[in-house]
Protein backbone atom coordinates (compact mmCIF):
# COMPACT_ATOMS: atom_id res chain seq x y z
CA MET A 1 10.05 -11.08 3.23
CA PHE A 2 6.42 -10.08 3.08
CA LYS A 3 3.60 -10.03 5.64
CA LYS A 4 0.16 -8.50 5.42
CA LEU A 5 -2.15 -7.01 7.98
CA ALA A 6 -5.63 -8.33 8.56
CA GLY A 7 -7.83 -6.54 6.05
CA PHE A 8 -5.17 -6.24 3.38
CA GLN A 9 -6.23 -9.38 1.55
CA GLN A 10 -9.80 -8.07 1.41
CA ASP A 11 -8.52 -4.75 0.06
CA MET A 12 -6.78 -6.68 -2.80
CA PHE A 13 -9.99 -8.60 -3.55
CA ASP A 14 -12.00 -5.35 -3.63
CA LEU A 15 -9.79 -4.08 -6.54
CA PRO A 16 -10.73 -4.70 -10.16
CA MET A 17 -8.56 -7.51 -11.59
CA PRO A 18 -6.20 -5.26 -13.68
CA ALA A 19 -5.43 -3.14 -10.61
CA ARG A 20 -4.97 -6.27 -8.47
CA LYS A 21 -2.42 -7.57 -10.85
CA VAL A 22 -0.48 -4.31 -10.83
CA ALA A 23 -0.59 -4.15 -7.02
CA ALA A 24 0.76 -7.73 -6.83
CA LEU A 25 3.62 -6.75 -9.15
CA LEU A 26 4.53 -3.68 -7.09
CA LEU A 27 4.59 -5.72 -3.94
CA LYS A 28 7.05 -8.10 -5.57
CA ASP A 29 9.22 -5.24 -6.49
CA LEU A 30 9.07 -3.74 -3.00
CA VAL A 31 9.99 -7.10 -1.48
CA GLU A 32 12.90 -7.53 -3.83
CA GLY A 33 14.10 -3.99 -3.07
CA THR A 34 13.96 -2.85 -6.68
CA PHE A 35 11.39 -0.13 -5.96
CA ASN A 36 10.59 2.19 -3.06
CA GLY A 37 7.59 4.20 -2.23
CA GLN A 38 7.24 7.70 -0.66
CA ALA A 39 6.95 8.29 3.06
CA LEU A 40 3.52 9.34 4.27
CA GLU A 41 3.05 12.31 6.54
CA VAL A 42 0.69 13.10 9.33
CA ARG A 43 -2.65 14.38 8.01
CA THR A 44 -5.59 15.66 9.91
CA SER A 45 -8.10 13.97 7.52
CA THR A 46 -6.79 10.46 8.22
CA ALA A 47 -5.02 8.75 11.14
CA ASP A 48 -1.30 9.19 11.65
CA LEU A 49 0.21 7.15 8.88
CA SER A 50 3.73 8.60 9.18
CA ASP A 51 5.15 5.09 9.78
CA CYS A 52 3.93 4.08 6.36
CA TYR A 53 4.90 4.50 2.69
CA LYS A 54 2.71 4.92 -0.35
CA VAL A 55 2.97 3.92 -3.95
CA TYR A 56 0.82 5.42 -6.73
CA PHE A 57 -0.28 3.11 -9.53
CA ASP A 58 -2.80 2.62 -12.27
CA PRO A 59 -3.35 -0.32 -14.61
CA ASP A 60 -4.14 2.06 -17.45
CA PRO A 61 -0.86 3.79 -18.60
CA ARG A 62 -2.96 6.48 -20.31
CA ALA A 63 -4.53 7.69 -17.02
CA ASP A 64 -3.82 11.33 -16.25
CA LYS A 65 -3.33 10.60 -12.52
CA PRO A 66 -2.85 7.12 -10.96
CA ARG A 67 -6.25 6.12 -9.47
CA TYR A 68 -4.94 3.60 -6.87
CA ARG A 69 -2.62 3.74 -3.83
CA LEU A 70 -0.71 0.97 -2.06
CA VAL A 71 0.19 1.66 1.59
CA TYR A 72 2.85 -0.47 3.27
CA GLN A 73 5.32 -0.45 6.19
CA GLU A 74 8.89 -1.56 6.43
CA THR A 75 9.99 -3.45 9.50
CA THR A 76 13.12 -5.25 10.54
CA GLU A 77 12.89 -8.94 11.05
CA GLY A 78 15.89 -10.11 13.11
CA SER A 79 18.76 -11.10 10.97
CA THR A 80 16.64 -11.60 7.83
CA GLY A 81 16.58 -7.86 7.13
CA ILE A 82 13.73 -5.71 5.91
CA CYS A 83 10.16 -7.01 5.81
CA ILE A 84 7.48 -5.36 3.73
CA VAL A 85 4.10 -5.29 5.48
CA GLY A 86 1.10 -4.79 3.27
CA VAL A 87 -1.19 -2.34 5.09
CA ALA A 88 -3.80 -1.33 2.56
CA VAL A 89 -4.60 -0.81 -1.08
CA GLY A 90 -7.47 1.18 -2.51
CA ARG A 91 -8.62 3.97 -4.74
CA ARG A 92 -7.19 7.50 -4.66
CA GLU A 93 -10.74 8.91 -4.76
CA GLY A 94 -12.02 10.04 -1.39
CA LEU A 95 -8.76 9.04 0.34
CA ASP A 96 -10.05 5.43 0.20
CA ALA A 97 -6.58 3.81 0.42
CA TYR A 98 -5.62 5.90 3.45
CA PHE A 99 -8.89 5.25 5.34
CA ARG A 100 -8.47 1.55 4.70
CA ALA A 101 -4.92 1.85 6.08
CA SER A 102 -6.16 3.51 9.23
CA ARG A 103 -8.80 0.81 9.66
CA ASN A 104 -6.36 -2.07 9.02
CA LEU A 105 -3.93 -0.56 11.47
CA GLY A 106 -6.66 -0.04 14.08
CA ARG A 107 -6.13 3.70 14.34
């Protein structure tokens, strides 16, 4: 199951098309349980995102470091199991994805 926070759809639209396609494929893999991200930690430069996970990605396989981050949460939805909640997606540069996550979570 997949849900998204208010603001997540705009974050997706703000991505260039190649990155948007990769983010959509990552979400599919997360929902299907074939891929997992890394737990985020508390940082002083952003709000507390310790209840979230991150995935690094880049549409260019030749990139030295992935330029984008996808932030999501996992929740339990009754008897249906795990639900992936899209929190934010954005650039690595300037902690953009994490500031978007803070904003979308209202923190």
